[in-house]
């Protein structure tokens, strides 16, 4: 019974029980891991079939996240204003997903976390105040409403334009800054 309680607590996203950090010995850890694997396999065999592509994509994203955690990309070459390919993954509902270019806006001191602004070609010239067209990249719009913080491990490689690593121009940076102020102060 204790294992079922531990499994329920872990599946709820908790790593502690009754206010104390969950500590398992090797035998208990192996058993809980076995229960997790079995419950995942049961869920997959009941709910995923060839007709439900979204669940298959999500499952693949779970696997890809395991691989991302092994990524030890060099952070020294990353600079604010650079544009990189960022793996947004398979997210929920209408959240942005997939591998897409994004502006590296700001980093933590050790460059392990980055605030990124995703780019899209589908919003170009749409006149929303929270979409800022990038003059230095044809048909690119910064989607300010989707700005997010990500681990450097999601940053795949630099984005190239005209055979050069793409960077924001000073004008584009200023335009984004003005749009961000409008977006976060609710000024239209």
C-alpha atoms as a PDB file:
ATOM      1  CA  UNK A   1       0.000   0.000   0.000  1.00  0.00           C
ATOM      2  CA  UNK A   2       2.851   2.401   0.780  1.00  0.00           C
ATOM      3  CA  UNK A   3       4.126   2.031  -2.786  1.00  0.00           C
ATOM      4  CA  UNK A   4       0.723   2.990  -4.232  1.00  0.00           C
ATOM      5  CA  UNK A   5       0.739   6.136  -2.033  1.00  0.00           C
ATOM      6  CA  UNK A   6       4.266   6.999  -3.152  1.00  0.00           C
ATOM      7  CA  UNK A   7       3.303   6.410  -6.782  1.00  0.00           C
ATOM      8  CA  UNK A   8       0.246   8.684  -6.377  1.00  0.00           C
ATOM      9  CA  UNK A   9       2.394  11.409  -4.781  1.00  0.00           C
ATOM     10  CA  UNK A  10       4.993  11.205  -7.569  1.00  0.00           C
ATOM     11  CA  UNK A  11       2.298  11.273 -10.267  1.00  0.00           C
ATOM     12  CA  UNK A  12       0.890  14.434  -8.641  1.00  0.00           C
ATOM     13  CA  UNK A  13       4.283  16.069  -9.184  1.00  0.00           C
ATOM     14  CA  UNK A  14       5.367  15.918  -5.552  1.00  0.00           C
ATOM     15  CA  UNK A  15       8.733  14.665  -4.428  1.00  0.00           C
ATOM     16  CA  UNK A  16       7.930  14.689  -0.723  1.00  0.00           C
ATOM     17  CA  UNK A  17       5.388  12.989   1.512  1.00  0.00           C
ATOM     18  CA  UNK A  18       3.868  14.507   4.678  1.00  0.00           C
ATOM     19  CA  UNK A  19       6.121  17.563   4.380  1.00  0.00           C
ATOM     20  CA  UNK A  20       9.315  15.524   4.231  1.00  0.00           C
ATOM     21  CA  UNK A  21      11.496  14.919   1.203  1.00  0.00           C
ATOM     22  CA  UNK A  22      10.882  11.489  -0.289  1.00  0.00           C
ATOM     23  CA  UNK A  23      13.858   9.197   0.283  1.00  0.00           C
ATOM     24  CA  UNK A  24      13.936   5.725  -1.200  1.00  0.00           C
ATOM     25  CA  UNK A  25      16.509   3.007  -0.834  1.00  0.00           C
ATOM     26  CA  UNK A  26      17.633   1.213  -4.005  1.00  0.00           C
ATOM     27  CA  UNK A  27      15.118  -1.627  -3.607  1.00  0.00           C
ATOM     28  CA  UNK A  28      12.172   0.755  -3.106  1.00  0.00           C
ATOM     29  CA  UNK A  29      13.339   3.005  -5.911  1.00  0.00           C
ATOM     30  CA  UNK A  30      13.499   0.020  -8.288  1.00  0.00           C
ATOM     31  CA  UNK A  31      10.012  -1.046  -7.282  1.00  0.00           C
ATOM     32  CA  UNK A  32       8.514   2.448  -7.703  1.00  0.00           C
ATOM     33  CA  UNK A  33      10.261   2.774 -11.074  1.00  0.00           C
ATOM     34  CA  UNK A  34       8.775  -0.582 -12.123  1.00  0.00           C
ATOM     35  CA  UNK A  35       5.282   0.624 -11.081  1.00  0.00           C
ATOM     36  CA  UNK A  36       5.729   3.858 -13.034  1.00  0.00           C
ATOM     37  CA  UNK A  37       6.835   1.981 -16.153  1.00  0.00           C
ATOM     38  CA  UNK A  38       3.933  -0.480 -15.881  1.00  0.00           C
ATOM     39  CA  UNK A  39       1.350   2.269 -15.389  1.00  0.00           C
ATOM     40  CA  UNK A  40       2.772   4.212 -18.363  1.00  0.00           C
ATOM     41  CA  UNK A  41       2.629   1.119 -20.579  1.00  0.00           C
ATOM     42  CA  UNK A  42      -0.976   0.428 -19.473  1.00  0.00           C
ATOM     43  CA  UNK A  43      -2.012   4.013 -20.239  1.00  0.00           C
ATOM     44  CA  UNK A  44      -0.274   3.950 -23.622  1.00  0.00           C
ATOM     45  CA  UNK A  45      -1.821   0.673 -24.679  1.00  0.00           C
ATOM     46  CA  UNK A  46      -5.316   1.886 -23.744  1.00  0.00           C
ATOM     47  CA  UNK A  47      -5.231   5.420 -25.152  1.00  0.00           C
ATOM     48  CA  UNK A  48      -2.794   5.714 -28.028  1.00  0.00           C
ATOM     49  CA  UNK A  49      -3.536   4.414 -31.474  1.00  0.00           C
ATOM     50  CA  UNK A  50      -2.715   5.446 -35.025  1.00  0.00           C
ATOM     51  CA  UNK A  51      -5.666   7.887 -35.071  1.00  0.00           C
ATOM     52  CA  UNK A  52      -4.395  10.009 -32.187  1.00  0.00           C
ATOM     53  CA  UNK A  53      -1.308  11.752 -33.537  1.00  0.00           C
ATOM     54  CA  UNK A  54      -1.246  14.396 -30.756  1.00  0.00           C
ATOM     55  CA  UNK A  55      -0.642  11.770 -28.067  1.00  0.00           C
ATOM     56  CA  UNK A  56       2.078  10.161 -30.164  1.00  0.00           C
ATOM     57  CA  UNK A  57       3.751  13.567 -30.621  1.00  0.00           C
ATOM     58  CA  UNK A  58       3.566  14.155 -26.871  1.00  0.00           C
ATOM     59  CA  UNK A  59       5.123  10.776 -26.154  1.00  0.00           C
ATOM     60  CA  UNK A  60       7.936  11.528 -28.612  1.00  0.00           C
ATOM     61  CA  UNK A  61       8.465  14.907 -26.883  1.00  0.00           C
ATOM     62  CA  UNK A  62       8.845  13.102 -23.525  1.00  0.00           C
ATOM     63  CA  UNK A  63      11.583  10.994 -25.099  1.00  0.00           C
ATOM     64  CA  UNK A  64      13.196  14.065 -26.704  1.00  0.00           C
ATOM     65  CA  UNK A  65      13.261  15.811 -23.304  1.00  0.00           C
ATOM     66  CA  UNK A  66      15.296  12.930 -21.923  1.00  0.00           C
ATOM     67  CA  UNK A  67      17.779  13.476 -24.743  1.00  0.00           C
ATOM     68  CA  UNK A  68      17.806  17.268 -24.183  1.00  0.00           C
ATOM     69  CA  UNK A  69      18.904  16.738 -20.599  1.00  0.00           C
ATOM     70  CA  UNK A  70      22.068  15.111 -21.945  1.00  0.00           C
ATOM     71  CA  UNK A  71      22.798  18.160 -24.122  1.00  0.00           C
ATOM     72  CA  UNK A  72      25.802  20.133 -22.899  1.00  0.00           C
ATOM     73  CA  UNK A  73      25.862  22.919 -25.452  1.00  0.00           C
ATOM     74  CA  UNK A  74      28.507  25.606 -25.132  1.00  0.00           C
ATOM     75  CA  UNK A  75      26.952  28.661 -23.524  1.00  0.00           C
ATOM     76  CA  UNK A  76      29.916  30.963 -24.076  1.00  0.00           C
ATOM     77  CA  UNK A  77      28.932  31.688 -27.696  1.00  0.00           C
ATOM     78  CA  UNK A  78      25.373  32.675 -26.765  1.00  0.00           C
ATOM     79  CA  UNK A  79      24.720  36.408 -26.620  1.00  0.00           C
ATOM     80  CA  UNK A  80      21.596  38.500 -26.087  1.00  0.00           C
ATOM     81  CA  UNK A  81      20.178  39.628 -29.422  1.00  0.00           C
ATOM     82  CA  UNK A  82      21.297  36.467 -31.204  1.00  0.00           C
ATOM     83  CA  UNK A  83      18.734  34.334 -32.960  1.00  0.00           C
ATOM     84  CA  UNK A  84      18.859  30.579 -32.394  1.00  0.00           C
ATOM     85  CA  UNK A  85      16.809  27.524 -33.152  1.00  0.00           C
ATOM     86  CA  UNK A  86      14.972  26.683 -29.923  1.00  0.00           C
ATOM     87  CA  UNK A  87      13.138  23.446 -29.204  1.00  0.00           C
ATOM     88  CA  UNK A  88       9.741  24.492 -27.785  1.00  0.00           C
ATOM     89  CA  UNK A  89       8.704  20.849 -27.732  1.00  0.00           C
ATOM     90  CA  UNK A  90       5.206  19.439 -27.816  1.00  0.00           C
ATOM     91  CA  UNK A  91       3.122  21.617 -25.520  1.00  0.00           C
ATOM     92  CA  UNK A  92      -0.479  21.836 -24.401  1.00  0.00           C
ATOM     93  CA  UNK A  93      -3.385  23.433 -26.265  1.00  0.00           C
ATOM     94  CA  UNK A  94      -2.402  26.439 -28.354  1.00  0.00           C
ATOM     95  CA  UNK A  95       0.996  26.984 -26.709  1.00  0.00           C
ATOM     96  CA  UNK A  96       3.861  27.343 -29.154  1.00  0.00           C
ATOM     97  CA  UNK A  97       5.496  24.107 -30.079  1.00  0.00           C
ATOM     98  CA  UNK A  98       8.147  22.608 -32.352  1.00  0.00           C
ATOM     99  CA  UNK A  99      11.659  23.691 -33.279  1.00  0.00           C
ATOM    100  CA  UNK A 100      11.546  27.369 -34.258  1.00  0.00           C
ATOM    101  CA  UNK A 101      13.827  30.399 -34.368  1.00  0.00           C
ATOM    102  CA  UNK A 102      13.768  32.662 -31.319  1.00  0.00           C
ATOM    103  CA  UNK A 103      15.546  35.776 -30.113  1.00  0.00           C
ATOM    104  CA  UNK A 104      17.823  35.287 -27.127  1.00  0.00           C
ATOM    105  CA  UNK A 105      16.605  38.255 -25.101  1.00  0.00           C
ATOM    106  CA  UNK A 106      18.253  37.879 -21.708  1.00  0.00           C
ATOM    107  CA  UNK A 107      20.176  35.229 -19.760  1.00  0.00           C
ATOM    108  CA  UNK A 108      20.912  34.287 -16.199  1.00  0.00           C
ATOM    109  CA  UNK A 109      24.416  35.166 -15.013  1.00  0.00           C
ATOM    110  CA  UNK A 110      25.725  31.665 -15.781  1.00  0.00           C
ATOM    111  CA  UNK A 111      23.850  31.508 -19.147  1.00  0.00           C
ATOM    112  CA  UNK A 112      22.058  28.320 -18.093  1.00  0.00           C
ATOM    113  CA  UNK A 113      18.608  29.953 -18.416  1.00  0.00           C
ATOM    114  CA  UNK A 114      17.482  32.223 -21.264  1.00  0.00           C
ATOM    115  CA  UNK A 115      14.468  34.422 -21.832  1.00  0.00           C
ATOM    116  CA  UNK A 116      13.563  33.871 -25.472  1.00  0.00           C
ATOM    117  CA  UNK A 117      11.102  35.541 -27.826  1.00  0.00           C
ATOM    118  CA  UNK A 118       9.869  33.139 -30.509  1.00  0.00           C
ATOM    119  CA  UNK A 119       9.716  34.213 -34.142  1.00  0.00           C
ATOM    120  CA  UNK A 120       6.944  33.392 -36.577  1.00  0.00           C
ATOM    121  CA  UNK A 121       6.366  34.000 -40.269  1.00  0.00           C
ATOM    122  CA  UNK A 122       2.590  33.561 -39.963  1.00  0.00           C
ATOM    123  CA  UNK A 123       2.008  36.787 -38.004  1.00  0.00           C
ATOM    124  CA  UNK A 124       3.948  39.134 -40.268  1.00  0.00           C
ATOM    125  CA  UNK A 125       2.190  42.494 -40.834  1.00  0.00           C
ATOM    126  CA  UNK A 126      -0.815  41.520 -38.692  1.00  0.00           C
ATOM    127  CA  UNK A 127      -0.797  44.822 -36.741  1.00  0.00           C
ATOM    128  CA  UNK A 128      -1.213  43.323 -33.253  1.00  0.00           C
ATOM    129  CA  UNK A 129       0.708  45.467 -30.778  1.00  0.00           C
ATOM    130  CA  UNK A 130       2.211  42.354 -29.165  1.00  0.00           C
ATOM    131  CA  UNK A 131       3.656  41.176 -32.503  1.00  0.00           C
ATOM    132  CA  UNK A 132       6.738  43.083 -33.563  1.00  0.00           C
ATOM    133  CA  UNK A 133       7.933  42.646 -37.150  1.00  0.00           C
ATOM    134  CA  UNK A 134      11.684  42.177 -37.493  1.00  0.00           C
ATOM    135  CA  UNK A 135      13.074  44.373 -40.265  1.00  0.00           C
ATOM    136  CA  UNK A 136      16.384  42.517 -40.415  1.00  0.00           C
ATOM    137  CA  UNK A 137      14.731  39.175 -41.231  1.00  0.00           C
ATOM    138  CA  UNK A 138      12.195  38.942 -44.044  1.00  0.00           C
ATOM    139  CA  UNK A 139       8.718  37.792 -42.962  1.00  0.00           C
ATOM    140  CA  UNK A 140       9.664  37.391 -39.298  1.00  0.00           C
ATOM    141  CA  UNK A 141       7.635  38.582 -36.350  1.00  0.00           C
ATOM    142  CA  UNK A 142       8.586  38.467 -32.669  1.00  0.00           C
ATOM    143  CA  UNK A 143       5.691  36.949 -30.719  1.00  0.00           C
ATOM    144  CA  UNK A 144       5.974  38.875 -27.456  1.00  0.00           C
ATOM    145  CA  UNK A 145       2.994  37.132 -25.883  1.00  0.00           C
ATOM    146  CA  UNK A 146       4.937  33.859 -26.044  1.00  0.00           C
ATOM    147  CA  UNK A 147       8.141  35.108 -24.433  1.00  0.00           C
ATOM    148  CA  UNK A 148       9.367  32.384 -22.062  1.00  0.00           C
ATOM    149  CA  UNK A 149      12.314  31.213 -19.980  1.00  0.00           C
ATOM    150  CA  UNK A 150      14.095  28.064 -21.104  1.00  0.00           C
ATOM    151  CA  UNK A 151      17.152  26.054 -20.211  1.00  0.00           C
ATOM    152  CA  UNK A 152      20.132  26.522 -22.513  1.00  0.00           C
ATOM    153  CA  UNK A 153      19.709  22.839 -23.317  1.00  0.00           C
ATOM    154  CA  UNK A 154      16.730  23.710 -25.527  1.00  0.00           C
ATOM    155  CA  UNK A 155      18.900  25.972 -27.695  1.00  0.00           C
ATOM    156  CA  UNK A 156      19.934  23.877 -30.668  1.00  0.00           C
ATOM    157  CA  UNK A 157      22.096  26.003 -32.955  1.00  0.00           C
ATOM    158  CA  UNK A 158      22.421  29.523 -34.349  1.00  0.00           C
ATOM    159  CA  UNK A 159      19.895  30.697 -36.932  1.00  0.00           C
ATOM    160  CA  UNK A 160      21.536  31.812 -40.188  1.00  0.00           C
ATOM    161  CA  UNK A 161      20.389  34.548 -42.534  1.00  0.00           C
ATOM    162  CA  UNK A 162      22.395  35.371 -45.699  1.00  0.00           C
ATOM    163  CA  UNK A 163      25.032  32.839 -44.624  1.00  0.00           C
ATOM    164  CA  UNK A 164      25.658  34.712 -41.332  1.00  0.00           C
ATOM    165  CA  UNK A 165      24.495  34.104 -37.786  1.00  0.00           C
ATOM    166  CA  UNK A 166      21.387  36.245 -37.368  1.00  0.00           C
ATOM    167  CA  UNK A 167      21.343  39.029 -34.754  1.00  0.00           C
ATOM    168  CA  UNK A 168      18.819  41.730 -33.949  1.00  0.00           C
ATOM    169  CA  UNK A 169      19.640  45.157 -35.319  1.00  0.00           C
ATOM    170  CA  UNK A 170      19.587  48.103 -32.903  1.00  0.00           C
ATOM    171  CA  UNK A 171      16.362  49.320 -34.529  1.00  0.00           C
ATOM    172  CA  UNK A 172      14.684  45.932 -34.124  1.00  0.00           C
ATOM    173  CA  UNK A 173      15.861  45.758 -30.498  1.00  0.00           C
ATOM    174  CA  UNK A 174      14.403  49.224 -29.801  1.00  0.00           C
ATOM    175  CA  UNK A 175      11.103  48.358 -31.497  1.00  0.00           C
ATOM    176  CA  UNK A 176      10.774  45.176 -29.451  1.00  0.00           C
ATOM    177  CA  UNK A 177      11.559  47.079 -26.253  1.00  0.00           C
ATOM    178  CA  UNK A 178       8.793  49.624 -27.004  1.00  0.00           C
ATOM    179  CA  UNK A 179       6.342  46.815 -27.806  1.00  0.00           C
ATOM    180  CA  UNK A 180       7.271  44.935 -24.621  1.00  0.00           C
ATOM    181  CA  UNK A 181       6.584  48.049 -22.547  1.00  0.00           C
ATOM    182  CA  UNK A 182       3.167  48.376 -24.190  1.00  0.00           C
ATOM    183  CA  UNK A 183       2.433  44.694 -23.687  1.00  0.00           C
ATOM    184  CA  UNK A 184       3.361  44.581 -20.006  1.00  0.00           C
ATOM    185  CA  UNK A 185       1.867  47.954 -19.047  1.00  0.00           C
ATOM    186  CA  UNK A 186      -1.321  47.315 -21.052  1.00  0.00           C
ATOM    187  CA  UNK A 187      -0.903  50.476 -23.089  1.00  0.00           C
ATOM    188  CA  UNK A 188      -2.349  50.315 -26.584  1.00  0.00           C
END
